[in-house]
Protein backbone atom coordinates (compact mmCIF):
# COMPACT_ATOMS: atom_id res chain seq x y z
CA MET A 1 12.09 -12.77 -11.22
CA ASP A 2 8.35 -13.64 -11.41
CA ASP A 3 6.13 -10.42 -12.77
CA ASP A 4 3.30 -12.37 -13.12
CA LYS A 5 3.13 -13.39 -10.02
CA GLU A 6 1.26 -10.67 -7.28
CA TYR A 7 2.63 -9.12 -4.27
CA LYS A 8 0.74 -7.46 -1.46
CA LEU A 9 4.12 -6.09 -0.88
CA SER A 10 7.54 -5.79 -2.65
CA ILE A 11 10.31 -4.16 -1.08
CA ARG A 12 14.22 -4.10 -2.40
CA ILE A 13 17.37 -2.62 -1.67
CA ALA A 14 16.74 1.47 -3.13
CA GLY A 15 16.88 5.21 -2.66
CA ASN A 16 13.96 5.12 -0.81
CA THR A 17 15.06 2.60 1.85
CA GLN A 18 17.73 3.99 4.13
CA ILE A 19 16.02 6.43 5.44
CA PRO A 20 12.59 3.65 6.65
CA CYS A 21 15.71 1.94 7.99
CA LEU A 22 17.42 4.44 9.35
CA GLN A 23 14.68 5.36 11.62
CA ALA A 24 13.89 1.71 12.63
CA ILE A 25 17.69 1.35 13.74
CA TYR A 26 16.77 4.05 15.68
CA SER A 27 13.56 3.02 17.15
CA LYS A 28 15.02 -0.22 18.49
CA GLY A 29 17.39 2.30 21.11
CA TYR A 30 20.61 2.08 18.65
CA ILE A 31 23.61 4.56 18.40
CA LEU A 32 24.34 5.70 14.98
CA SER A 33 28.03 6.74 13.37
CA HIS A 34 28.61 7.16 10.12
CA TYR A 35 32.09 6.99 8.58
CA TYR A 36 33.82 6.23 5.62
CA LEU A 37 37.25 4.50 4.45
CA ASN A 38 39.39 5.86 1.78
CA ASN A 39 43.02 6.42 1.27
CA THR A 40 42.48 9.12 -1.30
CA PRO A 41 41.95 12.35 0.74
CA GLY A 42 39.13 14.53 -0.87
CA GLU A 43 37.33 11.63 -2.02
CA TRP A 44 33.51 10.12 -0.41
CA LYS A 45 34.65 6.16 -0.61
CA ASP A 46 33.41 3.33 1.37
CA PRO A 47 30.67 4.53 3.43
CA GLN A 48 30.49 2.45 6.62
CA TRP A 49 27.54 2.31 9.33
CA ASP A 50 27.42 1.95 12.79
CA ALA A 51 24.65 0.85 15.48
CA GLU A 52 25.80 -0.30 19.55
CA LYS A 53 23.21 -0.58 22.17
CA ASN A 54 23.99 -2.81 25.27
CA GLY A 55 27.70 -3.28 24.81
CA ARG A 56 27.14 -4.79 21.37
CA ARG A 57 27.90 -3.18 18.08
CA PHE A 58 26.78 -4.37 14.66
CA SER A 59 29.05 -2.61 10.88
CA ALA A 60 27.97 -2.38 7.69
CA THR A 61 28.41 -1.10 4.29
CA SER A 62 24.56 0.76 4.06
CA LEU A 63 22.11 0.96 5.89
CA GLU A 64 19.84 -1.87 4.51
CA GLU A 65 23.12 -4.32 5.36
CA LEU A 66 22.86 -2.91 9.13
CA LEU A 67 19.12 -3.56 10.09
CA GLY A 68 19.57 -6.65 8.43
CA LEU A 69 22.50 -7.79 10.70
CA ILE A 70 20.40 -6.49 13.52
CA ALA A 71 17.67 -8.01 12.84
CA MET A 72 19.48 -11.94 12.32
CA TRP A 73 21.25 -11.29 15.62
CA GLU A 74 17.77 -10.53 17.24
CA ILE A 75 16.21 -14.04 15.99
CA ARG A 76 19.85 -15.70 16.67
CA GLY A 77 21.21 -13.86 19.84
CA ASP A 78 25.00 -14.39 20.07
CA ASP A 79 25.69 -17.38 18.63
CA TRP A 80 24.36 -16.28 15.21
CA ARG A 81 26.98 -18.11 13.65
CA HIS A 82 25.86 -20.84 11.02
CA GLN A 83 25.17 -24.15 13.26
CA SER A 84 25.59 -27.45 11.69
CA GLY A 85 23.28 -28.08 8.88
CA GLU A 86 22.54 -24.73 8.06
CA GLN A 87 24.23 -24.34 4.91
CA GLU A 88 22.04 -27.39 3.38
CA LEU A 89 19.84 -24.87 2.72
CA TYR A 90 21.86 -22.14 1.35
CA ASP A 91 23.61 -24.54 -0.80
CA HIS A 92 20.17 -25.58 -2.27
CA LEU A 93 19.59 -21.72 -2.95
CA ILE A 94 22.15 -21.19 -5.50
CA GLU A 95 22.54 -24.64 -6.82
CA SER A 96 18.77 -24.16 -7.69
CA ALA A 97 18.32 -20.51 -8.75
CA PRO A 98 17.72 -19.55 -12.03
CA MET A 99 20.09 -16.80 -14.44
CA TYR A 100 17.77 -13.90 -16.22
CA ASN A 101 19.09 -12.32 -19.54
CA SER A 102 18.50 -8.43 -19.51
CA GLU A 103 14.90 -8.66 -20.13
CA GLY A 104 14.00 -10.93 -17.65
CA ASN A 105 13.93 -14.04 -19.94
CA ILE A 106 15.40 -17.40 -17.58
CA ILE A 107 18.39 -18.43 -19.68
CA ASP A 108 18.74 -22.19 -19.86
CA ASN A 109 21.82 -24.23 -19.29
């Protein structure tokens, strides 16, 4: 949360990112579907989004996640699963992640 740093652009998942993500997925030629998973009649819970194209289906609980899966596959292809040695970057980021309080101050360990 480096609030002093200036960016040309900063995007975070919010209500205003759903429609642009939907349009991006649609412009890539995917057929989209939307449904809910729920065991309680009358309650609209657990939204699900699917995108299909060329015999491949991507599923997520938000349009932002769905676009992320599609982008990941576009870069990595059908052999998208993590490869040997790739865990190190994830582990480093998790281990070195700072924790912030509600005022945005770093909490020291």
